[in-house]
Amino acid sequence: MIDSLLAARLQMEVSRAFHMVFAALGIGMPLLMVLAEWRWLRTGRPHFRALARKWAKATALTFAVGAVSGTALSFELGLLWPRFMGLAGGVVGPAFALEGYAFFIEAIFLGLYLYGWDRLAPRTHWLTGIPIALSGLLSGILVVAANAFMQAPTSFQVAGGRLVEVDPLAVFATPAWLHLALHSSLSCYIATGFAVAGVYAVGMLRGRRDAYHRSALDLALLVAGSAAVLQPLSGDLSARRMAAYQPAKLAAVEAHYVTSSHVPLLIGGIPDGQGHVRGAIRIPSGLSLLVGHNPATVVRGLEDFPVDERPPVGLTHIAFQIMVGCGFLLAAVALWYAWRRRRSDVGRDRLLLRALVLAAPLGFLALETGWIVTEVGRQPWIIYGLMRTADGVTPVGAVPVTLSGFALLYLVLGIALVVLLRRLADGSTGEGPKPAEVPHAG
């Protein structure tokens, strides 16, 4: 039987992996919904209203399932990591409390939005959607703030095994917060946008080249493509902050062992555990340029850190390469779509549509592997430099039992969401709504 530490880490990983999908959709879908209704108000074209209504239902489903998975995840923090919560609960607690306010704001306005279609003036109804999009984004940012403190703790003193003299806004003062919030938020828009684009690309491949499907593709890729093009800038900021505040993580990410200057940037490759990376493409001085914007920048290697304070190199490096590879592929597909959109009817470009279908899951793959880099790369610390993961876990030995229970819960939630979304998709008419069925925006 696995020990409590491994079981607790596996349980958190399973929970986080499932919840991340719901959370990303909860951030991305409301924005698509608001954009679709805004286009209806501007143009009066009924298919935009139909899209907004469809995406509002999808938003409601992801919100409901995400609320259950998020609640379970919050319980797990106390059940599995009581020592961590005992030490840092007073710091990360305010961020979770504020996230609760954002959650309730989203719930209130989601109710107004869903039941106000034929009861509110069109512009007033559209305005009720904006707090949904903003509070969904804010929820993600606030949760990330708690994680950012775990990555780079600041603004506190330690006394008697507890954090004292804590700045009430310590989670927002940490140098990790800005780039984590930016990077994860953009990732959610990318993942959601490409997943939605993939759904409508399938419809177009089946011959549904109507305005309903074309507009859905345009809006989804407007959001996803814009975020994908901006994401490398966020990645550049993340690399420099990582070098400054988590140098061991950066060394593991790049499988960089020896402190030196003119360090190459690795593309691909598999660390062999002996200080070498097999099969990698090396860009001369690339990592030094990325970290310090100077090829002579010295980058610390794993040799600078005790063996028991080094993150797992193989998993961290490979996960990072997958994340970056997916990101660049998605940006390329988005630019391809923009180019073809200006030159011709993309509905007849079957190669591009197939590429969009294949790209649909890559955003979520990048999101998941990115969080593997964030969490595994922080090991062996649960709070970087302050508390080891092994010291924060529960002393209770029944964690493998709860691992099975929570894994089953998330599996059921995942299946339920897929079934409900498929039913929602099957409920659409392939050609979108008939003009007579939808009132004009005026």
Protein backbone atom coordinates (compact mmCIF):
# COMPACT_ATOMS: atom_id res chain seq x y z
CA MET A 1 0.00 0.00 0.00
CA ILE A 2 1.24 3.51 -0.79
CA ASP A 3 2.16 5.78 2.10
CA SER A 4 0.10 8.75 3.25
CA LEU A 5 2.36 11.36 1.65
CA LEU A 6 2.23 9.83 -1.82
CA ALA A 7 -1.50 9.14 -1.50
CA ALA A 8 -2.17 12.73 -0.40
CA ARG A 9 -0.15 14.14 -3.29
CA LEU A 10 -1.91 11.85 -5.77
CA GLN A 11 -5.30 12.83 -4.38
CA MET A 12 -4.54 16.53 -4.72
CA GLU A 13 -3.25 15.98 -8.25
CA VAL A 14 -6.36 14.05 -9.31
CA SER A 15 -8.62 16.67 -7.74
CA ARG A 16 -6.71 19.58 -9.22
CA ALA A 17 -6.56 18.00 -12.68
CA PHE A 18 -10.34 17.52 -12.81
CA HIS A 19 -11.24 20.83 -11.20
CA MET A 20 -8.89 22.72 -13.53
CA VAL A 21 -11.04 21.72 -16.51
CA PHE A 22 -14.21 23.01 -14.84
CA ALA A 23 -12.45 26.16 -13.64
CA ALA A 24 -11.05 26.95 -17.09
CA LEU A 25 -14.45 26.56 -18.72
CA GLY A 26 -15.94 28.69 -15.95
CA ILE A 27 -13.53 31.49 -16.87
CA GLY A 28 -13.68 31.18 -20.65
CA MET A 29 -17.34 30.39 -21.40
CA PRO A 30 -18.83 33.54 -19.81
CA LEU A 31 -16.60 35.74 -21.96
CA LEU A 32 -17.73 33.94 -25.12
CA MET A 33 -21.34 34.27 -23.97
CA VAL A 34 -21.01 38.03 -23.42
CA LEU A 35 -19.24 38.56 -26.75
CA ALA A 36 -21.93 36.64 -28.63
CA GLU A 37 -24.75 38.70 -27.12
CA TRP A 38 -22.82 41.92 -27.74
CA ARG A 39 -22.60 40.97 -31.43
CA TRP A 40 -26.34 40.35 -31.44
CA LEU A 41 -26.97 43.79 -29.98
CA ARG A 42 -24.69 45.36 -32.60
CA THR A 43 -25.96 43.46 -35.65
CA GLY A 44 -29.43 42.16 -34.77
CA ARG A 45 -28.51 38.81 -36.37
CA PRO A 46 -30.43 36.05 -34.57
CA HIS A 47 -27.72 33.41 -34.69
CA PHE A 48 -25.59 35.48 -32.29
CA ARG A 49 -28.43 35.42 -29.76
CA ALA A 50 -28.76 31.68 -30.23
CA LEU A 51 -25.04 31.28 -29.56
CA ALA A 52 -25.25 33.40 -26.43
CA ARG A 53 -28.13 31.30 -25.10
CA LYS A 54 -26.34 28.06 -25.89
CA TRP A 55 -23.12 29.21 -24.25
CA ALA A 56 -25.04 30.52 -21.23
CA LYS A 57 -26.39 27.01 -20.64
CA ALA A 58 -22.87 25.59 -20.95
CA THR A 59 -21.67 28.23 -18.47
CA ALA A 60 -24.36 27.20 -16.00
CA LEU A 61 -23.40 23.53 -16.28
CA THR A 62 -19.69 24.16 -15.73
CA PHE A 63 -20.49 26.53 -12.86
CA ALA A 64 -22.59 23.90 -11.09
CA VAL A 65 -20.10 21.07 -11.54
CA GLY A 66 -17.17 23.36 -10.73
CA ALA A 67 -18.86 24.43 -7.50
CA VAL A 68 -19.05 20.80 -6.34
CA SER A 69 -15.47 19.96 -7.36
CA GLY A 70 -14.11 23.18 -5.87
CA THR A 71 -15.89 22.56 -2.56
CA ALA A 72 -14.42 19.06 -2.38
CA LEU A 73 -10.98 20.46 -3.13
CA SER A 74 -11.23 22.99 -0.31
CA PHE A 75 -12.15 20.21 2.13
CA GLU A 76 -9.11 18.25 1.00
CA LEU A 77 -6.80 21.07 2.06
CA GLY A 78 -7.92 20.67 5.64
CA LEU A 79 -8.19 16.88 5.56
CA LEU A 80 -4.87 16.11 3.88
CA TRP A 81 -2.68 19.05 4.87
CA PRO A 82 -3.72 20.12 8.41
CA ARG A 83 -0.17 21.10 9.38
CA PHE A 84 0.14 23.31 6.33
CA MET A 85 -3.22 24.94 7.07
CA GLY A 86 -2.23 25.34 10.71
CA LEU A 87 0.86 27.25 9.65
CA ALA A 88 -0.41 29.24 6.68
CA GLY A 89 -4.20 29.23 7.02
CA GLY A 90 -4.22 32.81 8.27
CA VAL A 91 -2.40 33.90 5.11
CA VAL A 92 -4.16 31.94 2.38
CA GLY A 93 -7.56 32.09 4.12
CA PRO A 94 -8.40 35.67 3.10
CA ALA A 95 -7.83 34.84 -0.57
CA PHE A 96 -10.24 31.91 -0.35
CA ALA A 97 -12.76 34.07 1.53
CA LEU A 98 -12.62 36.73 -1.19
CA GLU A 99 -13.01 34.00 -3.80
CA GLY A 100 -16.21 33.02 -2.00
CA TYR A 101 -17.58 36.54 -2.53
CA ALA A 102 -16.69 36.34 -6.23
CA PHE A 103 -18.44 32.97 -6.40
CA PHE A 104 -21.68 34.34 -4.93
CA ILE A 105 -21.60 37.40 -7.21
CA GLU A 106 -21.23 35.07 -10.18
CA ALA A 107 -24.11 32.90 -8.95
CA ILE A 108 -26.44 35.88 -8.49
CA PHE A 109 -25.80 37.38 -11.90
CA LEU A 110 -25.87 33.98 -13.59
CA GLY A 111 -29.39 33.55 -12.27
CA LEU A 112 -30.37 36.98 -13.58
CA TYR A 113 -28.81 36.22 -16.94
CA LEU A 114 -30.40 32.79 -17.40
CA TYR A 115 -33.91 33.86 -16.38
CA GLY A 116 -33.82 37.38 -17.76
CA TRP A 117 -33.79 36.73 -21.51
CA ASP A 118 -37.42 37.67 -22.05
CA ARG A 119 -37.84 39.72 -18.87
CA LEU A 120 -35.09 42.35 -19.16
CA ALA A 121 -34.38 44.91 -21.85
CA PRO A 122 -31.74 43.51 -24.25
CA ARG A 123 -28.98 45.89 -23.21
CA THR A 124 -29.77 45.45 -19.52
CA HIS A 125 -29.67 41.69 -19.97
CA TRP A 126 -26.26 41.91 -21.66
CA LEU A 127 -24.95 44.02 -18.78
CA THR A 128 -25.88 41.25 -16.31
CA GLY A 129 -23.48 38.97 -18.16
CA ILE A 130 -20.44 41.18 -17.58
CA PRO A 131 -20.22 40.49 -13.80
CA ILE A 132 -20.37 36.76 -14.60
CA ALA A 133 -17.31 37.00 -16.85
CA LEU A 134 -15.45 39.28 -14.43
CA SER A 135 -16.23 37.32 -11.26
CA GLY A 136 -15.31 34.04 -12.97
CA LEU A 137 -11.94 35.51 -13.88
CA LEU A 138 -11.55 37.02 -10.41
CA SER A 139 -12.24 33.67 -8.74
CA GLY A 140 -9.32 32.14 -10.63
CA ILE A 141 -7.03 35.04 -9.84
CA LEU A 142 -7.82 34.88 -6.11
CA VAL A 143 -7.22 31.14 -5.88
CA VAL A 144 -3.94 31.57 -7.74
CA ALA A 145 -2.97 34.24 -5.19
CA ALA A 146 -3.04 31.59 -2.45
CA ASN A 147 -0.87 29.32 -4.58
CA ALA A 148 1.50 32.19 -5.34
CA PHE A 149 2.23 32.54 -1.62
CA MET A 150 3.22 28.86 -1.58
CA GLN A 151 5.60 29.55 -4.49
CA ALA A 152 7.27 32.68 -3.07
CA PRO A 153 6.18 33.44 0.54
CA THR A 154 6.64 36.98 1.77
CA SER A 155 5.40 39.61 4.29
CA PHE A 156 5.37 37.55 7.50
CA GLN A 157 7.39 36.49 10.55
CA VAL A 158 7.62 33.01 12.10
CA ALA A 159 7.12 32.52 15.86
CA GLY A 160 6.15 29.37 17.78
CA GLY A 161 5.65 27.39 14.61
CA ARG A 162 3.12 29.89 13.24
CA LEU A 163 3.22 32.84 10.88
CA VAL A 164 2.84 36.10 12.77
CA GLU A 165 2.87 39.79 11.83
CA VAL A 166 1.30 38.74 8.54
CA ASP A 167 0.41 41.40 6.02
CA PRO A 168 -3.36 40.97 5.33
CA LEU A 169 -2.55 41.27 1.65
CA ALA A 170 0.51 39.00 1.78
CA VAL A 171 -0.79 36.72 -0.96
CA PHE A 172 -0.97 39.71 -3.31
CA ALA A 173 2.44 41.00 -2.29
CA THR A 174 4.30 37.87 -3.31
CA PRO A 175 6.41 38.31 -6.47
CA ALA A 176 4.88 35.12 -7.93
CA TRP A 177 1.30 36.38 -7.99
CA LEU A 178 1.24 38.66 -11.03
CA HIS A 179 2.84 36.28 -13.50
CA LEU A 180 0.93 33.24 -12.15
CA ALA A 181 -2.40 35.07 -12.40
CA LEU A 182 -1.64 36.33 -15.90
CA HIS A 183 -0.29 33.03 -17.19
CA SER A 184 -3.08 30.86 -15.78
CA SER A 185 -5.86 33.24 -16.89
CA LEU A 186 -4.58 33.35 -20.46
CA SER A 187 -4.28 29.56 -20.37
CA CYS A 188 -7.95 29.23 -19.42
CA TYR A 189 -9.05 31.42 -22.33
CA ILE A 190 -6.83 29.45 -24.71
CA ALA A 191 -8.09 26.07 -23.51
CA THR A 192 -11.75 27.06 -23.61
CA GLY A 193 -11.56 28.90 -26.92
CA PHE A 194 -9.84 26.09 -28.80
CA ALA A 195 -12.12 23.44 -27.26
CA VAL A 196 -15.19 25.39 -28.42
CA ALA A 197 -13.63 26.00 -31.85
CA GLY A 198 -13.01 22.27 -32.20
CA VAL A 199 -16.69 21.51 -31.56
CA TYR A 200 -17.87 23.88 -34.28
CA ALA A 201 -15.09 22.81 -36.67
CA VAL A 202 -16.52 19.28 -36.45
CA GLY A 203 -19.91 20.68 -37.43
CA MET A 204 -18.43 22.50 -40.40
CA LEU A 205 -16.62 19.37 -41.55
CA ARG A 206 -20.04 17.70 -41.56
CA GLY A 207 -21.34 20.35 -43.94
CA ARG A 208 -22.82 22.89 -41.52
CA ARG A 209 -21.22 26.02 -42.98
CA ASP A 210 -24.01 28.37 -41.88
CA ALA A 211 -23.58 31.72 -40.14
CA TYR A 212 -24.20 30.07 -36.76
CA HIS A 213 -21.11 27.83 -37.03
CA ARG A 214 -18.93 30.43 -38.75
CA SER A 215 -19.65 33.03 -36.09
CA ALA A 216 -19.04 30.53 -33.28
CA LEU A 217 -15.66 29.71 -34.79
CA ASP A 218 -14.80 33.39 -35.20
CA LEU A 219 -15.65 34.31 -31.60
CA ALA A 220 -13.95 31.26 -30.08
CA LEU A 221 -10.74 31.88 -32.00
CA LEU A 222 -10.85 35.62 -31.34
CA VAL A 223 -10.57 34.81 -27.62
CA ALA A 224 -8.25 31.81 -27.90
CA GLY A 225 -6.01 33.27 -30.60
CA SER A 226 -5.54 36.60 -28.83
CA ALA A 227 -4.59 34.81 -25.60
CA ALA A 228 -2.29 32.37 -27.42
CA VAL A 229 -0.36 35.17 -29.09
CA LEU A 230 0.03 37.03 -25.77
CA GLN A 231 1.03 33.94 -23.78
CA PRO A 232 4.74 33.93 -24.81
CA LEU A 233 5.09 37.40 -23.24
CA SER A 234 3.68 35.99 -20.02
CA GLY A 235 6.07 33.05 -20.30
CA ASP A 236 9.02 35.41 -20.59
CA LEU A 237 7.97 37.17 -17.37
CA SER A 238 7.50 33.81 -15.64
CA ALA A 239 10.98 32.60 -16.59
CA ARG A 240 12.67 35.70 -15.19
CA ARG A 241 10.66 35.59 -11.96
CA MET A 242 11.41 31.88 -11.61
CA ALA A 243 15.14 32.52 -11.99
CA ALA A 244 14.98 35.15 -9.26
CA TYR A 245 12.75 33.42 -6.71
CA GLN A 246 12.74 29.68 -7.55
CA PRO A 247 16.10 28.97 -9.22
CA ALA A 248 15.93 25.25 -8.41
CA LYS A 249 12.63 25.00 -10.30
CA LEU A 250 14.10 26.76 -13.33
CA ALA A 251 17.09 24.42 -13.27
CA ALA A 252 14.75 21.40 -13.20
CA VAL A 253 12.53 22.84 -15.94
CA GLU A 254 15.54 23.22 -18.24
CA ALA A 255 17.40 20.15 -16.92
CA HIS A 256 20.30 22.53 -16.27
CA TYR A 257 22.90 21.01 -13.97
CA VAL A 258 26.01 23.21 -13.97
CA THR A 259 25.96 26.89 -13.00
CA SER A 260 27.29 28.84 -15.98
CA SER A 261 26.73 31.63 -18.47
CA HIS A 262 25.77 31.34 -22.14
CA VAL A 263 23.35 28.56 -21.19
CA PRO A 264 21.49 27.08 -24.18
CA LEU A 265 17.71 26.80 -24.29
CA LEU A 266 16.59 23.20 -24.73
CA ILE A 267 13.79 22.16 -27.04
CA GLY A 268 12.59 18.66 -26.29
CA GLY A 269 14.92 15.99 -25.00
CA ILE A 270 14.75 13.49 -22.14
CA PRO A 271 16.97 13.82 -19.03
CA ASP A 272 18.90 10.60 -18.44
CA GLY A 273 19.44 11.12 -14.70
CA GLN A 274 23.19 11.44 -15.22
CA GLY A 275 23.31 15.14 -15.91
CA HIS A 276 22.61 14.91 -19.66
CA VAL A 277 19.56 15.49 -21.84
CA ARG A 278 19.22 13.11 -24.76
CA GLY A 279 17.76 14.23 -28.08
CA ALA A 280 17.31 17.93 -27.26
CA ILE A 281 17.69 20.76 -29.74
CA ARG A 282 19.89 23.46 -28.19
CA ILE A 283 19.49 27.17 -28.95
CA PRO A 284 22.89 28.74 -28.09
CA SER A 285 22.69 31.11 -25.08
CA GLY A 286 18.90 30.95 -25.30
CA LEU A 287 18.22 30.40 -21.59
CA SER A 288 20.66 33.12 -20.54
CA LEU A 289 18.96 35.51 -22.94
CA LEU A 290 15.52 34.55 -21.65
CA VAL A 291 16.50 35.01 -18.01
CA GLY A 292 18.62 38.15 -18.20
CA HIS A 293 18.25 39.43 -21.78
CA ASN A 294 22.00 38.97 -22.06
CA PRO A 295 23.88 35.88 -23.35
CA ALA A 296 26.42 36.29 -20.51
CA THR A 297 23.74 35.96 -17.80
CA VAL A 298 24.73 33.30 -15.27
CA VAL A 299 22.01 30.71 -14.61
CA ARG A 300 22.24 28.58 -11.49
CA GLY A 301 22.32 24.84 -12.04
CA LEU A 302 21.05 21.96 -9.92
CA GLU A 303 24.56 21.45 -8.55
CA ASP A 304 24.00 24.56 -6.40
CA PHE A 305 21.25 22.86 -4.40
CA PRO A 306 21.34 19.96 -1.93
CA VAL A 307 20.17 16.70 -3.45
CA ASP A 308 17.15 16.58 -1.14
CA GLU A 309 16.04 20.05 -2.27
CA ARG A 310 16.06 19.35 -6.00
CA PRO A 311 12.71 18.95 -7.83
CA PRO A 312 12.12 15.82 -9.96
CA VAL A 313 13.96 16.76 -13.15
CA GLY A 314 12.49 14.29 -15.63
CA LEU A 315 8.80 14.99 -14.97
CA THR A 316 9.28 18.75 -14.62
CA HIS A 317 11.30 19.08 -17.84
CA ILE A 318 9.02 16.88 -19.95
CA ALA A 319 5.84 18.56 -18.66
CA PHE A 320 7.32 21.97 -19.45
CA GLN A 321 8.25 20.91 -22.98
CA ILE A 322 4.73 19.60 -23.60
CA MET A 323 3.22 22.84 -22.29
CA VAL A 324 5.42 25.06 -24.46
CA GLY A 325 5.02 22.84 -27.51
CA CYS A 326 1.23 22.93 -27.23
CA GLY A 327 1.30 26.69 -26.75
CA PHE A 328 3.29 27.37 -29.90
CA LEU A 329 1.20 24.91 -31.93
CA LEU A 330 -2.00 26.65 -30.83
CA ALA A 331 -0.60 30.10 -31.61
CA ALA A 332 0.38 28.85 -35.09
CA VAL A 333 -3.11 27.43 -35.70
CA ALA A 334 -4.69 30.70 -34.55
CA LEU A 335 -2.51 32.74 -36.92
CA TRP A 336 -3.27 30.29 -39.74
CA TYR A 337 -6.98 30.75 -39.12
CA ALA A 338 -6.66 34.55 -39.06
CA TRP A 339 -4.77 34.50 -42.36
CA ARG A 340 -7.24 32.19 -44.06
CA ARG A 341 -10.19 34.11 -42.60
CA ARG A 342 -9.07 37.27 -44.35
CA ARG A 343 -8.40 35.56 -47.67
CA SER A 344 -11.23 33.07 -48.08
CA ASP A 345 -14.12 31.16 -46.57
CA VAL A 346 -12.51 28.97 -43.90
CA GLY A 347 -15.53 26.68 -43.99
CA ARG A 348 -14.20 25.18 -47.20
CA ASP A 349 -10.63 24.73 -45.95
CA ARG A 350 -10.94 21.17 -44.66
CA LEU A 351 -7.28 20.95 -43.75
CA LEU A 352 -7.60 23.95 -41.43
CA LEU A 353 -10.83 22.60 -39.93
CA ARG A 354 -9.15 19.26 -39.23
CA ALA A 355 -6.26 21.12 -37.61
CA LEU A 356 -8.75 22.93 -35.35
CA VAL A 357 -10.32 19.61 -34.34
CA LEU A 358 -6.89 18.15 -33.51
CA ALA A 359 -5.96 21.33 -31.61
CA ALA A 360 -9.13 21.26 -29.48
CA PRO A 361 -7.67 19.27 -26.52
CA LEU A 362 -4.19 20.83 -26.66
CA GLY A 363 -5.16 23.87 -24.61
CA PHE A 364 -6.24 21.68 -21.71
CA LEU A 365 -3.14 19.54 -22.12
CA ALA A 366 -1.00 22.68 -21.86
CA LEU A 367 -3.00 23.85 -18.84
CA GLU A 368 -2.57 20.56 -17.00
CA THR A 369 1.14 20.17 -17.77
CA GLY A 370 1.71 23.79 -16.82
CA TRP A 371 0.32 23.14 -13.37
CA ILE A 372 2.46 20.00 -13.10
CA VAL A 373 5.47 22.25 -13.69
CA THR A 374 4.21 24.72 -11.08
CA GLU A 375 3.55 22.13 -8.38
CA VAL A 376 6.13 19.41 -9.03
CA GLY A 377 8.80 22.02 -9.71
CA ARG A 378 8.24 23.44 -6.21
CA GLN A 379 9.04 20.13 -4.52
CA PRO A 380 10.14 19.17 -1.93
CA TRP A 381 8.43 22.27 -0.51
CA ILE A 382 4.75 22.84 0.14
CA ILE A 383 5.69 26.45 1.00
CA TYR A 384 8.89 27.24 -0.84
CA GLY A 385 11.85 27.38 1.54
CA LEU A 386 9.58 27.35 4.62
CA MET A 387 7.76 24.02 4.97
CA ARG A 388 8.45 20.71 3.26
CA THR A 389 5.57 18.79 1.74
CA ALA A 390 6.32 15.81 3.98
CA ASP A 391 5.93 18.05 7.05
CA GLY A 392 2.54 19.39 5.99
CA VAL A 393 0.71 16.10 5.37
CA THR A 394 -1.79 14.57 7.76
CA PRO A 395 -0.50 11.94 10.21
CA VAL A 396 -3.66 9.88 9.69
CA GLY A 397 -2.96 6.68 7.76
CA ALA A 398 -6.25 6.28 5.88
CA VAL A 399 -5.39 8.64 3.02
CA PRO A 400 -5.36 5.86 0.36
CA VAL A 401 -9.03 5.23 1.18
CA THR A 402 -9.97 8.89 0.67
CA LEU A 403 -7.90 8.89 -2.53
CA SER A 404 -10.20 6.24 -3.98
CA GLY A 405 -13.32 8.06 -2.80
CA PHE A 406 -12.38 11.46 -4.17
CA ALA A 407 -11.12 9.96 -7.44
CA LEU A 408 -14.53 8.32 -7.87
CA LEU A 409 -16.27 11.64 -7.10
CA TYR A 410 -14.33 13.50 -9.78
CA LEU A 411 -14.81 10.70 -12.26
CA VAL A 412 -18.58 10.88 -11.76
CA LEU A 413 -18.54 14.68 -12.05
CA GLY A 414 -16.49 14.49 -15.24
CA ILE A 415 -18.80 11.93 -16.83
CA ALA A 416 -21.86 13.94 -15.80
CA LEU A 417 -20.47 17.11 -17.37
CA VAL A 418 -19.59 15.35 -20.63
CA VAL A 419 -23.04 13.77 -20.87
CA LEU A 420 -24.82 17.05 -20.14
CA LEU A 421 -22.70 19.03 -22.61
CA ARG A 422 -23.30 16.41 -25.30
CA ARG A 423 -27.03 16.64 -24.72
CA LEU A 424 -26.80 20.41 -24.91
CA ALA A 425 -24.91 20.15 -28.21
CA ASP A 426 -27.37 17.61 -29.62
CA GLY A 427 -30.19 20.00 -28.82
CA SER A 428 -28.94 22.50 -31.40
CA THR A 429 -30.31 22.60 -34.92
CA GLY A 430 -27.44 22.21 -37.29
CA GLU A 431 -28.45 25.36 -39.11
CA GLY A 432 -28.92 27.55 -36.03
CA PRO A 433 -32.20 29.31 -35.20
CA LYS A 434 -34.61 30.54 -37.80
CA PRO A 435 -34.86 34.34 -37.89
CA ALA A 436 -38.54 34.28 -36.94
CA GLU A 437 -37.77 32.35 -33.77
CA VAL A 438 -35.63 35.06 -32.20
CA PRO A 439 -36.68 38.64 -31.40
CA HIS A 440 -34.64 41.48 -32.84
CA ALA A 441 -32.14 43.26 -30.57
CA GLY A 442 -33.96 46.51 -30.94
